[in-house]
Amino acid sequence: MAESTLSLVRNDLRKAVGNMLGAGLDLTAWEPDFSTRVDMCIDIGCRSLYEPPILAGEAQAHVWSFMQPKLTSFDLNATYSTGTVTIVAGAVTGSGTTFPTWAADGELVISGVPYTVASRGSTTSLTLDDTGVTAAAGSTYTLQHVDYQLPDLFGGFRGELYLGGSSGTIGQTLQRCDIHEILDLRNQAVADFSAQPCKYAVFAADQTGTGGQRWQMSVWPTPDAEYTVSGIYSINPYQLTSTYIYPMGGLPLAECLRESCLAAAEVEFTGSPGVHSSLVLPRLAAAISRDRQMNNPGILGQNLDYSDRRRSWRQNGPRVQHLGLGAMSYTG
């Protein structure tokens, strides 16, 4: 499919900024320092538009529809306990084991006590963070996947997370909570308790400064089988480069992005906002309106009478969606 001939590319933005500042449209004639500063202004303009301010009269900032792809195959792993282990000074040696590839993100439970795994050496060897742990040969264990690494460009879940994996889980949702609640639930239960997950939490991964910020997700209880989570998440945008020349949002966002980059250049080169800065908000409001029109349903559904359901709610309380903790039985 051919791209619209009116779509903006990176060099269009660079020429617009350079021409406004009097350097002309010939990019090859620019001084290297000037070219670098122009690219900085384009980065600022993109960031300002992709993470827009809250408009007057609105309760929250707009999240662009093009920054919300579908997360279709996020797998939750069942616990693993095949074979036995020997542990000497935090070094785990398995017998009859094939430690899964996710073991480095897991916890090894020995005698009801969980220990975080530092690394996976092979299908039969692990190293724990705690080098003081020991266990006799032939010890039983449970290896459980605790923290799941989210995509590199992850910018937050939007809406519900749906649980799949069997006919009994179709349509069920995970309840979002704080990571401290999950830690509290784990501490209240036995360490290797596993069942159908019903809660999840998103938290920041450890930051060392050698890479960008990443995010992780934990669920509770620990999965007792293989499950799949699906839902919508927003992505963090990419930088425009000589390789990635098309900005996100396409033609409907083009003029708004152009004004945002020119406004950034006004502040960067003159130290104060100018005419282009005053044009950003009207363009932004129009772009947000169009984004909502393109991605909201055309109708809100039938106008039906739900008064009988309201009476039922007052009498019986709200209906609760079953989230489930796996199969349960009672013996009286």
Protein backbone atom coordinates (compact mmCIF):
# COMPACT_ATOMS: atom_id res chain seq x y z
CA MET A 1 0.00 0.00 0.00
CA ALA A 2 1.44 3.35 -1.07
CA GLU A 3 2.13 6.03 1.52
CA SER A 4 0.22 9.31 1.18
CA THR A 5 2.27 11.85 -0.73
CA LEU A 6 1.35 14.43 1.93
CA SER A 7 2.78 12.39 4.79
CA LEU A 8 5.65 13.97 6.71
CA VAL A 9 9.05 12.33 6.98
CA ARG A 10 11.98 13.24 9.22
CA ASN A 11 13.71 15.47 6.66
CA ASP A 12 10.51 17.46 6.13
CA LEU A 13 10.59 18.36 9.82
CA ARG A 14 14.31 19.19 9.68
CA LYS A 15 13.81 21.46 6.66
CA ALA A 16 10.88 23.23 8.33
CA VAL A 17 12.94 23.98 11.44
CA GLY A 18 16.05 25.01 9.49
CA ASN A 19 14.09 27.25 7.13
CA MET A 20 12.32 28.98 10.03
CA LEU A 21 15.72 29.74 11.56
CA GLY A 22 17.11 31.15 8.32
CA ALA A 23 19.45 28.30 7.43
CA GLY A 24 17.59 27.36 4.24
CA LEU A 25 16.35 24.01 2.95
CA ASP A 26 19.67 22.50 1.88
CA LEU A 27 20.47 20.11 4.72
CA THR A 28 23.99 19.45 3.38
CA ALA A 29 24.88 23.15 3.78
CA TRP A 30 24.17 23.22 7.51
CA GLU A 31 26.95 23.34 10.08
CA PRO A 32 27.20 20.05 12.07
CA ASP A 33 26.41 21.78 15.37
CA PHE A 34 23.32 23.44 13.89
CA SER A 35 22.14 20.12 12.44
CA THR A 36 22.53 18.46 15.83
CA ARG A 37 20.49 21.18 17.54
CA VAL A 38 17.74 20.85 14.92
CA ASP A 39 17.54 17.11 15.58
CA MET A 40 17.29 17.85 19.30
CA CYS A 41 14.31 20.12 18.62
CA ILE A 42 12.61 17.39 16.58
CA ASP A 43 13.09 14.94 19.47
CA ILE A 44 11.57 17.47 21.88
CA GLY A 45 8.67 18.13 19.53
CA CYS A 46 7.95 14.41 19.14
CA ARG A 47 8.07 13.75 22.88
CA SER A 48 5.78 16.71 23.58
CA LEU A 49 3.20 15.46 21.09
CA TYR A 50 3.33 11.74 21.87
CA GLU A 51 2.86 12.50 25.59
CA PRO A 52 0.49 15.48 25.31
CA PRO A 53 -0.54 17.77 28.18
CA ILE A 54 -4.00 17.63 29.70
CA LEU A 55 -6.28 19.88 27.67
CA ALA A 56 -8.52 22.43 29.36
CA GLY A 57 -11.75 20.86 30.62
CA GLU A 58 -10.42 17.29 30.55
CA ALA A 59 -9.57 15.05 33.48
CA GLN A 60 -6.60 13.21 31.99
CA ALA A 61 -4.11 13.31 29.16
CA HIS A 62 -5.06 11.70 25.86
CA VAL A 63 -3.50 8.35 24.92
CA TRP A 64 -3.12 8.07 21.14
CA SER A 65 -4.76 5.07 19.51
CA PHE A 66 -1.67 4.36 17.39
CA MET A 67 0.34 3.85 20.60
CA GLN A 68 -1.87 0.98 21.76
CA PRO A 69 -1.10 -2.28 19.92
CA LYS A 70 -2.64 -5.56 21.03
CA LEU A 71 -0.63 -7.82 23.35
CA THR A 72 -1.71 -11.18 21.97
CA SER A 73 0.53 -13.90 23.40
CA PHE A 74 1.89 -13.20 26.86
CA ASP A 75 2.39 -16.64 28.38
CA LEU A 76 2.23 -17.47 32.09
CA ASN A 77 4.30 -20.52 32.99
CA ALA A 78 3.30 -23.36 35.28
CA THR A 79 5.53 -24.34 38.19
CA TYR A 80 8.25 -26.92 37.54
CA SER A 81 9.30 -29.63 40.04
CA THR A 82 10.62 -32.55 38.01
CA GLY A 83 13.54 -34.43 39.57
CA THR A 84 15.50 -33.41 42.67
CA VAL A 85 18.28 -30.94 43.52
CA THR A 86 21.46 -30.59 45.51
CA ILE A 87 22.50 -27.10 46.69
CA VAL A 88 26.00 -26.16 47.83
CA ALA A 89 26.72 -22.50 48.64
CA GLY A 90 23.86 -21.32 46.43
CA ALA A 91 24.88 -23.50 43.46
CA VAL A 92 21.98 -25.75 42.44
CA THR A 93 22.60 -29.07 40.67
CA GLY A 94 19.58 -30.92 39.34
CA SER A 95 19.09 -34.64 38.94
CA GLY A 96 16.52 -35.72 36.36
CA THR A 97 15.76 -32.06 35.64
CA THR A 98 15.40 -29.89 32.56
CA PHE A 99 15.24 -26.43 34.10
CA PRO A 100 13.13 -24.20 31.81
CA THR A 101 14.63 -21.17 30.06
CA TRP A 102 12.65 -18.79 32.31
CA ALA A 103 14.35 -20.16 35.45
CA ALA A 104 16.61 -17.08 35.75
CA ASP A 105 13.45 -15.00 36.41
CA GLY A 106 12.08 -17.44 38.96
CA GLU A 107 12.25 -18.57 42.56
CA LEU A 108 13.37 -21.94 43.87
CA VAL A 109 11.32 -23.12 46.85
CA ILE A 110 13.05 -25.50 49.26
CA SER A 111 11.25 -26.69 52.42
CA GLY A 112 8.67 -23.91 52.01
CA VAL A 113 11.26 -21.12 51.70
CA PRO A 114 11.62 -19.26 48.36
CA TYR A 115 15.04 -18.20 47.03
CA THR A 116 15.49 -15.96 43.99
CA VAL A 117 17.47 -17.39 41.07
CA ALA A 118 20.40 -15.28 39.87
CA SER A 119 21.17 -17.22 36.69
CA ARG A 120 20.53 -20.45 34.77
CA GLY A 121 23.70 -22.23 33.71
CA SER A 122 22.09 -25.18 31.94
CA THR A 123 19.14 -27.56 32.12
CA THR A 124 20.66 -29.02 35.30
CA SER A 125 22.32 -26.05 37.00
CA LEU A 126 21.16 -22.80 38.62
CA THR A 127 22.79 -20.18 40.81
CA LEU A 128 20.85 -18.52 43.62
CA ASP A 129 21.25 -14.93 44.76
CA ASP A 130 21.74 -16.22 48.31
CA THR A 131 25.10 -18.07 48.29
CA GLY A 132 24.54 -19.34 51.82
CA VAL A 133 21.78 -21.78 50.83
CA THR A 134 22.47 -25.51 51.08
CA ALA A 135 20.30 -28.59 50.55
CA ALA A 136 21.12 -32.28 50.73
CA ALA A 137 21.25 -34.45 47.63
CA GLY A 138 17.82 -35.65 46.52
CA SER A 139 15.92 -32.65 47.92
CA THR A 140 12.52 -31.96 46.43
CA TYR A 141 11.84 -28.43 45.19
CA THR A 142 9.46 -26.19 43.28
CA LEU A 143 10.64 -23.73 40.63
CA GLN A 144 8.14 -20.98 39.96
CA HIS A 145 8.11 -18.10 37.49
CA VAL A 146 7.54 -14.99 39.58
CA ASP A 147 8.34 -11.89 37.52
CA TYR A 148 7.60 -11.54 33.80
CA GLN A 149 9.61 -9.14 31.64
CA LEU A 150 7.31 -6.85 29.67
CA PRO A 151 8.12 -5.63 26.12
CA ASP A 152 10.96 -3.12 25.76
CA LEU A 153 8.61 -0.37 24.53
CA PHE A 154 5.95 -1.11 27.18
CA GLY A 155 4.18 2.07 28.31
CA GLY A 156 1.34 0.70 30.46
CA PHE A 157 -1.70 -1.56 30.13
CA ARG A 158 -4.97 -0.05 28.91
CA GLY A 159 -8.20 -1.70 29.99
CA GLU A 160 -8.68 -5.29 31.11
CA LEU A 161 -6.25 -8.19 30.95
CA TYR A 162 -7.95 -11.40 29.85
CA LEU A 163 -6.89 -14.85 30.94
CA GLY A 164 -6.92 -17.79 28.53
CA GLY A 165 -5.53 -21.30 28.35
CA SER A 166 -8.58 -23.55 28.68
CA SER A 167 -12.33 -23.42 28.17
CA GLY A 168 -12.73 -22.71 31.89
CA THR A 169 -10.73 -19.47 31.72
CA ILE A 170 -12.13 -17.92 28.55
CA GLY A 171 -13.41 -14.41 29.23
CA GLN A 172 -12.07 -14.18 32.78
CA THR A 173 -10.09 -11.09 33.77
CA LEU A 174 -7.17 -10.39 36.05
CA GLN A 175 -7.67 -7.78 38.76
CA ARG A 176 -4.97 -5.13 38.86
CA CYS A 177 -3.39 -4.40 42.24
CA ASP A 178 -0.24 -2.97 43.76
CA ILE A 179 2.91 -5.11 43.89
CA HIS A 180 2.89 -4.79 47.68
CA GLU A 181 -0.50 -6.53 47.80
CA ILE A 182 0.88 -9.48 45.83
CA LEU A 183 3.91 -9.69 48.10
CA ASP A 184 1.60 -9.63 51.11
CA LEU A 185 -0.54 -12.44 49.66
CA ARG A 186 2.55 -14.53 48.99
CA ASN A 187 3.77 -14.07 52.54
CA GLN A 188 0.38 -15.09 53.94
CA ALA A 189 0.22 -18.31 51.90
CA VAL A 190 2.59 -21.25 51.58
CA ALA A 191 5.52 -20.35 49.35
CA ASP A 192 4.75 -22.89 46.62
CA PHE A 193 0.97 -22.37 46.52
CA SER A 194 -0.25 -22.42 42.92
CA ALA A 195 -3.67 -22.02 41.29
CA GLN A 196 -5.41 -20.10 38.55
CA PRO A 197 -4.14 -16.48 38.69
CA CYS A 198 -6.64 -13.76 39.58
CA LYS A 199 -4.46 -10.69 40.33
CA TYR A 200 -1.57 -8.94 38.63
CA ALA A 201 0.75 -6.01 39.33
CA VAL A 202 3.10 -3.97 37.15
CA PHE A 203 6.30 -2.57 38.65
CA ALA A 204 9.58 -1.01 37.55
CA ALA A 205 12.46 -3.37 36.87
CA ASP A 206 15.82 -2.74 38.53
CA GLN A 207 17.53 0.24 36.90
CA THR A 208 21.33 0.23 36.63
CA GLY A 209 21.81 3.16 34.25
CA THR A 210 23.30 0.97 31.51
CA GLY A 211 19.94 0.60 29.76
CA GLY A 212 16.55 2.25 29.55
CA GLN A 213 13.75 1.78 32.06
CA ARG A 214 11.98 -1.57 31.74
CA TRP A 215 8.86 -2.95 33.42
CA GLN A 216 7.86 -6.29 34.89
CA MET A 217 4.61 -8.01 35.85
CA SER A 218 3.79 -10.43 38.67
CA VAL A 219 0.65 -12.49 39.12
CA TRP A 220 -1.00 -14.19 42.08
CA PRO A 221 -1.41 -17.03 42.73
CA THR A 222 1.53 -18.65 40.96
CA PRO A 223 0.06 -20.35 37.84
CA ASP A 224 -0.79 -24.02 38.28
CA ALA A 225 -0.85 -24.55 34.51
CA GLU A 226 0.00 -22.78 31.26
CA TYR A 227 -2.10 -19.64 30.73
CA THR A 228 -2.10 -16.81 28.19
CA VAL A 229 -2.77 -13.18 29.02
CA SER A 230 -4.13 -10.85 26.33
CA GLY A 231 -4.97 -7.16 26.39
CA ILE A 232 -3.98 -3.72 25.17
CA TYR A 233 -0.85 -1.83 26.17
CA SER A 234 0.50 1.53 25.09
CA ILE A 235 4.01 1.71 23.64
CA ASN A 236 6.79 4.20 24.13
CA PRO A 237 7.55 5.88 20.78
CA TYR A 238 10.71 5.47 18.74
CA GLN A 239 13.11 8.25 17.76
CA LEU A 240 13.12 9.54 14.18
CA THR A 241 16.39 8.66 12.46
CA SER A 242 17.76 8.23 8.94
CA THR A 243 16.37 4.68 9.11
CA TYR A 244 13.07 5.34 10.90
CA ILE A 245 11.87 8.32 8.88
CA TYR A 246 8.09 8.16 9.39
CA PRO A 247 6.69 9.66 12.60
CA MET A 248 3.92 7.86 14.45
CA GLY A 249 0.34 8.92 13.82
CA GLY A 250 0.59 9.41 10.07
CA LEU A 251 -0.99 12.19 8.04
CA PRO A 252 -3.73 13.19 10.57
CA LEU A 253 -1.01 14.17 13.04
CA ALA A 254 1.39 15.76 10.54
CA GLU A 255 0.67 19.47 10.98
CA CYS A 256 0.36 19.15 14.74
CA LEU A 257 3.77 17.45 14.88
CA ARG A 258 5.27 20.11 12.59
CA GLU A 259 4.07 22.91 14.87
CA SER A 260 5.31 21.03 17.93
CA CYS A 261 8.84 20.77 16.45
CA LEU A 262 8.83 24.43 15.35
CA ALA A 263 7.67 25.48 18.83
CA ALA A 264 10.52 23.49 20.37
CA ALA A 265 12.97 25.25 18.04
CA GLU A 266 11.61 28.68 19.03
CA VAL A 267 12.38 27.99 22.68
CA GLU A 268 15.71 26.26 21.98
CA PHE A 269 17.13 28.95 19.68
CA THR A 270 15.49 32.14 20.99
CA GLY A 271 14.87 31.28 24.63
CA SER A 272 11.16 32.11 24.54
CA PRO A 273 7.96 30.80 22.91
CA GLY A 274 6.71 32.43 19.70
CA VAL A 275 3.94 32.19 17.13
CA HIS A 276 4.36 28.46 16.56
CA SER A 277 4.05 27.77 20.29
CA SER A 278 0.63 29.44 20.21
CA LEU A 279 -0.48 27.18 17.35
CA VAL A 280 0.34 23.87 19.05
CA LEU A 281 -2.68 23.58 21.39
CA PRO A 282 -5.36 24.26 18.72
CA ARG A 283 -3.69 21.73 16.43
CA LEU A 284 -3.40 19.28 19.32
CA ALA A 285 -7.08 19.61 20.24
CA ALA A 286 -8.09 18.98 16.63
CA ALA A 287 -5.78 15.96 16.32
CA ILE A 288 -7.11 14.45 19.56
CA SER A 289 -10.71 14.98 18.38
CA ARG A 290 -9.96 13.20 15.12
CA ASP A 291 -8.19 10.35 16.90
CA ARG A 292 -11.23 9.80 19.08
CA GLN A 293 -13.62 9.90 16.12
CA MET A 294 -11.61 7.32 14.21
CA ASN A 295 -11.36 4.86 17.08
CA ASN A 296 -14.58 5.20 19.09
CA PRO A 297 -17.66 3.13 18.20
CA GLY A 298 -20.20 4.90 16.02
CA ILE A 299 -23.12 3.96 18.28
CA LEU A 300 -23.43 3.32 21.99
CA GLY A 301 -25.85 0.40 21.70
CA GLN A 302 -29.59 -0.03 22.01
CA ASN A 303 -31.61 2.17 24.34
CA LEU A 304 -33.00 -0.57 26.60
CA ASP A 305 -34.82 -0.49 29.93
CA TYR A 306 -32.64 -1.93 32.71
CA SER A 307 -34.84 -0.87 35.60
CA ASP A 308 -35.50 -4.49 36.59
CA ARG A 309 -31.74 -5.08 36.87
CA ARG A 310 -31.38 -1.99 39.03
CA ARG A 311 -34.04 -3.37 41.37
CA SER A 312 -32.15 -6.67 41.49
CA TRP A 313 -28.92 -4.83 42.31
CA ARG A 314 -30.59 -2.97 45.21
CA GLN A 315 -32.00 -6.22 46.57
CA ASN A 316 -29.09 -8.59 45.99
CA GLY A 317 -26.04 -6.36 45.59
CA PRO A 318 -23.81 -6.09 42.52
CA ARG A 319 -23.07 -9.12 40.40
CA VAL A 320 -19.48 -10.33 40.88
CA GLN A 321 -17.46 -11.76 38.03
CA HIS A 322 -15.84 -15.06 38.96
CA LEU A 323 -12.08 -14.90 38.72
CA GLY A 324 -11.34 -18.33 40.07
CA LEU A 325 -8.55 -20.03 41.96
CA GLY A 326 -8.70 -23.32 40.08
CA ALA A 327 -10.81 -26.34 40.97
CA MET A 328 -12.10 -26.39 44.58
CA SER A 329 -14.02 -28.99 46.60
CA TYR A 330 -15.57 -29.20 50.04
CA THR A 331 -15.96 -32.23 52.27
CA GLY A 332 -18.38 -31.75 55.10
